[in-house]
Protein backbone atom coordinates (compact mmCIF):
# COMPACT_ATOMS: atom_id res chain seq x y z
CA MET A 1 -33.74 -2.55 -18.50
CA ASN A 2 -33.23 1.19 -18.76
CA ASP A 3 -29.80 2.84 -18.85
CA GLU A 4 -29.78 3.55 -15.12
CA GLU A 5 -30.63 -0.06 -14.26
CA ILE A 6 -27.98 -1.37 -16.66
CA ASP A 7 -25.32 0.89 -15.14
CA SER A 8 -26.27 0.00 -11.57
CA LEU A 9 -26.45 -3.73 -12.27
CA GLY A 10 -23.10 -3.60 -14.07
CA ARG A 11 -21.45 -1.99 -11.06
CA THR A 12 -23.01 -4.54 -8.73
CA MET A 13 -21.88 -7.46 -10.88
CA ALA A 14 -18.32 -6.12 -11.08
CA GLY A 15 -18.16 -5.56 -7.33
CA ILE A 16 -19.36 -9.05 -6.48
CA LEU A 17 -17.31 -10.97 -9.03
CA ARG A 18 -14.10 -8.97 -8.62
CA HIS A 19 -14.00 -7.89 -5.00
CA PHE A 20 -16.64 -8.96 -2.45
CA PRO A 21 -18.71 -12.13 -3.12
CA ASP A 22 -18.91 -12.67 0.64
CA ARG A 23 -21.04 -9.54 1.09
CA TYR A 24 -23.73 -11.31 -0.90
CA SER A 25 -23.22 -14.63 0.91
CA LEU A 26 -21.80 -16.20 -2.24
CA THR A 27 -19.20 -18.95 -2.55
CA MET A 28 -16.51 -18.41 -5.20
CA ASP A 29 -14.17 -21.19 -6.30
CA GLU A 30 -10.45 -20.76 -6.85
CA HIS A 31 -10.99 -19.86 -10.52
CA GLY A 32 -13.49 -17.09 -9.77
CA TRP A 33 -16.69 -18.98 -10.61
CA VAL A 34 -19.96 -18.36 -8.73
CA ASN A 35 -23.15 -20.38 -9.16
CA LEU A 36 -25.46 -18.35 -11.39
CA ASP A 37 -28.67 -19.17 -9.48
CA ASP A 38 -27.02 -18.13 -6.22
CA PHE A 39 -25.64 -15.00 -7.91
CA VAL A 40 -29.09 -13.85 -9.06
CA ASN A 41 -30.72 -14.68 -5.72
CA GLY A 42 -27.91 -12.97 -3.82
CA ILE A 43 -28.43 -9.71 -5.69
CA ARG A 44 -32.23 -9.92 -5.36
CA ASN A 45 -32.05 -10.56 -1.63
CA LYS A 46 -29.43 -7.89 -0.92
CA GLN A 47 -30.76 -5.05 -3.07
CA ARG A 48 -34.48 -4.33 -3.02
CA ARG A 49 -34.27 -2.40 -6.31
CA PHE A 50 -33.29 -5.64 -8.09
CA ARG A 51 -36.13 -7.84 -6.81
CA TRP A 52 -37.20 -8.27 -10.45
CA LEU A 53 -33.81 -9.68 -11.52
CA LYS A 54 -33.74 -12.98 -13.44
CA GLN A 55 -31.04 -14.99 -15.19
CA HIS A 56 -31.91 -13.64 -18.62
CA HIS A 57 -31.01 -10.14 -17.42
CA ILE A 58 -27.54 -11.41 -16.48
CA PHE A 59 -27.18 -13.16 -19.84
CA ALA A 60 -28.07 -9.89 -21.57
CA MET A 61 -25.41 -8.02 -19.59
CA VAL A 62 -22.76 -10.61 -20.45
CA ASP A 63 -23.69 -10.92 -24.13
CA THR A 64 -23.78 -7.17 -24.80
CA ASP A 65 -20.61 -6.25 -22.89
CA PRO A 66 -18.15 -4.99 -25.56
CA LYS A 67 -15.16 -5.61 -23.29
CA LYS A 68 -16.08 -9.25 -22.58
CA ARG A 69 -15.51 -8.83 -18.85
CA TYR A 70 -17.62 -11.84 -17.86
CA GLN A 71 -17.98 -15.51 -18.70
CA VAL A 72 -20.95 -17.82 -18.17
CA ARG A 73 -20.32 -21.56 -18.30
CA GLU A 74 -22.21 -24.62 -17.04
CA GLY A 75 -24.47 -22.64 -14.72
CA ASN A 76 -21.69 -20.47 -13.30
CA ILE A 77 -20.50 -16.89 -13.86
CA ARG A 78 -17.20 -15.08 -13.31
CA ALA A 79 -15.34 -11.89 -14.12
CA THR A 80 -12.25 -12.37 -16.26
CA TYR A 81 -10.07 -9.55 -14.90
CA ALA A 82 -9.61 -6.66 -12.43
CA HIS A 83 -9.86 -8.85 -9.32
CA SER A 84 -8.62 -7.69 -5.94
CA ILE A 85 -9.00 -11.19 -4.47
CA GLU A 86 -6.55 -14.05 -4.96
CA LEU A 87 -7.61 -16.43 -7.73
CA LYS A 88 -6.14 -18.96 -10.15
CA LEU A 89 -7.63 -17.79 -13.44
CA ASP A 90 -7.55 -20.45 -16.16
CA LEU A 91 -7.82 -18.10 -19.13
CA PRO A 92 -6.64 -18.64 -22.74
CA THR A 93 -2.88 -18.46 -23.29
CA ARG A 94 -2.76 -19.04 -27.06
CA ASP A 95 -2.54 -16.40 -29.80
CA ILE A 96 -1.06 -13.72 -27.56
CA PRO A 97 -0.10 -10.61 -29.61
CA ASP A 98 3.61 -10.13 -30.25
CA VAL A 99 3.47 -6.71 -28.59
CA LEU A 100 1.35 -5.48 -25.68
CA TYR A 101 1.16 -2.12 -23.91
CA TYR A 102 1.02 -0.77 -20.37
CA PRO A 103 0.05 2.76 -19.23
CA THR A 104 1.81 4.52 -16.40
CA THR A 105 2.68 8.03 -15.28
CA PRO A 106 5.68 9.92 -16.69
CA GLU A 107 7.19 9.86 -13.19
CA GLU A 108 6.86 6.08 -12.71
CA ALA A 109 7.91 5.01 -16.21
CA PRO A 110 11.73 5.09 -15.72
CA LEU A 111 11.45 3.07 -12.50
CA LEU A 112 9.27 0.43 -14.15
CA LEU A 113 11.79 0.04 -16.97
CA GLU A 114 14.35 -0.87 -14.30
CA THR A 115 12.22 -3.05 -12.02
CA GLY A 116 9.52 -4.51 -14.27
CA LEU A 117 5.75 -4.63 -13.88
CA ARG A 118 4.08 -6.02 -10.76
CA PRO A 119 0.48 -5.81 -9.56
CA ALA A 120 -0.51 -2.82 -7.47
CA ASP A 121 -4.18 -2.57 -6.43
CA ARG A 122 -5.12 -5.62 -8.52
CA LYS A 123 -3.86 -9.19 -8.26
CA MET A 124 -2.51 -9.29 -11.81
CA VAL A 125 -0.71 -6.91 -14.16
CA HIS A 126 -3.22 -5.68 -16.75
CA LEU A 127 -1.84 -5.20 -20.27
CA SER A 128 -3.55 -3.64 -23.30
CA LYS A 129 -3.76 -5.09 -26.80
CA THR A 130 -3.15 -1.73 -28.53
CA TYR A 131 -1.40 1.55 -27.84
CA GLU A 132 -4.74 3.32 -28.07
CA ALA A 133 -6.38 1.02 -25.50
CA ALA A 134 -3.47 1.64 -23.13
CA VAL A 135 -3.89 5.40 -23.49
CA ILE A 136 -7.60 5.12 -22.65
CA ALA A 137 -6.82 2.97 -19.60
CA GLY A 138 -4.05 5.32 -18.49
CA LYS A 139 -6.24 8.42 -18.67
CA VAL A 140 -8.19 7.10 -15.69
CA ARG A 141 -5.15 8.03 -13.58
CA VAL A 142 -3.36 10.82 -15.44
CA THR A 143 -4.11 13.26 -18.26
CA GLU A 144 -1.11 12.26 -20.39
CA PRO A 145 -0.07 8.68 -19.58
CA LYS A 146 3.31 7.31 -20.61
CA ILE A 147 2.94 4.07 -22.54
CA LEU A 148 5.36 1.16 -22.16
CA GLN A 149 5.74 -1.54 -24.80
CA ILE A 150 6.04 -5.21 -23.86
CA ASP A 151 7.84 -7.70 -26.10
CA ALA A 152 5.15 -10.30 -25.42
CA LYS A 153 6.41 -12.73 -28.05
CA LYS A 154 9.82 -12.99 -26.40
CA ALA A 155 8.35 -12.97 -22.90
CA VAL A 156 6.03 -15.89 -23.65
CA ALA A 157 8.83 -17.80 -25.40
CA GLU A 158 10.95 -17.42 -22.27
CA GLY A 159 8.28 -18.60 -19.86
CA VAL A 160 6.24 -15.55 -18.86
CA LEU A 161 2.58 -16.58 -18.58
CA ILE A 162 0.25 -14.12 -20.32
CA GLN A 163 -3.49 -14.80 -20.49
CA LYS A 164 -6.25 -13.23 -22.57
CA ALA A 165 -8.93 -11.81 -20.26
CA GLY A 166 -11.10 -9.59 -22.48
CA THR A 167 -11.42 -7.94 -25.85
CA THR A 168 -8.32 -5.78 -25.31
CA VAL A 169 -7.10 -6.93 -21.87
CA TYR A 170 -4.32 -9.41 -21.11
CA LEU A 171 -3.02 -10.52 -17.70
CA ALA A 172 0.37 -11.47 -16.30
CA GLU A 173 1.56 -12.13 -12.76
CA GLU A 174 4.54 -9.92 -13.52
CA VAL A 175 6.63 -8.73 -16.46
CA PRO A 176 10.42 -8.58 -15.93
CA PRO A 177 12.20 -5.42 -17.10
CA GLN A 178 14.08 -7.02 -20.00
CA TYR A 179 10.81 -7.16 -21.97
CA LEU A 180 9.93 -3.49 -21.49
CA ALA A 181 10.67 -0.36 -23.52
CA PHE A 182 9.11 3.01 -24.17
CA ALA A 183 6.40 2.50 -26.78
CA ASP A 184 6.74 3.81 -30.30
CA LEU A 185 4.29 6.66 -30.90
CA PRO A 186 1.28 5.82 -33.09
CA PRO A 187 0.12 8.04 -35.96
CA PRO A 188 -1.34 11.38 -34.73
CA GLU A 189 -4.83 10.48 -35.95
CA ALA A 190 -4.84 7.39 -33.73
CA VAL A 191 -3.96 9.44 -30.66
CA SER A 192 -6.61 12.05 -31.40
CA GLU A 193 -9.20 9.29 -31.75
CA THR A 194 -8.59 8.19 -28.16
CA ASP A 195 -9.43 11.70 -26.95
CA SER A 196 -12.98 11.26 -28.20
CA THR A 197 -13.39 7.73 -26.84
CA SER A 198 -11.50 7.92 -23.57
CA GLY A 199 -13.01 6.27 -20.54
CA PRO A 200 -12.32 3.52 -17.99
CA THR A 201 -11.54 0.04 -19.28
CA ALA A 202 -12.74 -1.66 -16.13
C-alpha cells in the first residue's frame, strides 16, 4: 500500500470501529468486536477504491500502528478507544501508572478541578500516560493546553476503574475532582520536543 492508501484505509477503519459500523452493514458486539471477514467485505463492497482489500492488509495496519489503536483476536477486530458509541470495553486494568495526565484549555481547567472529568464527545474520559503525550493531544484543540495531573494510584485504590487502551492512552468513565491537580511542569527540553512531534493522538 502507498501512503495515500494507508492514510485513507486508516481513516475508514477508525470511522467504522469507533463511530458507524452500521453504515457498512456490520454487526458490533457490546465489547466493540466486529467479525474480520465481514469487516473486509464491508469495506470492499462500500468503497470501490478498496476492492483489492484483503485480511493481510488489515493485519499490516494493526501490526504497524504505533499507538496500538486496534486489536485482532479470534477472527474479530475492534478499536480500543475514541468511541462515540456505547460499549463495554474489557481492556486491561493492571499496571496502571501512578500518575496520568489530561489536557484541557486554560479556561476550562479551574472548572474541571472543581467538578472532575467526564466524557464530552467520546464515551470515555481519555487520559495520557505522560505529560508530553497530553500536550500533543491537547494541541489538537488549543495552542497552549493546560495539563491536569491525575493521582491514578489513589483513584484506582479507591475504586475508580482505569483501563489501558493504547500505547499512551488510558480510559475512565469519569475521574472525581479529589484526584485532580495542576500538573507539575516537565523539563524545558521535554516541552520543546513535543513542538516537533505534535499531532493528533486519535
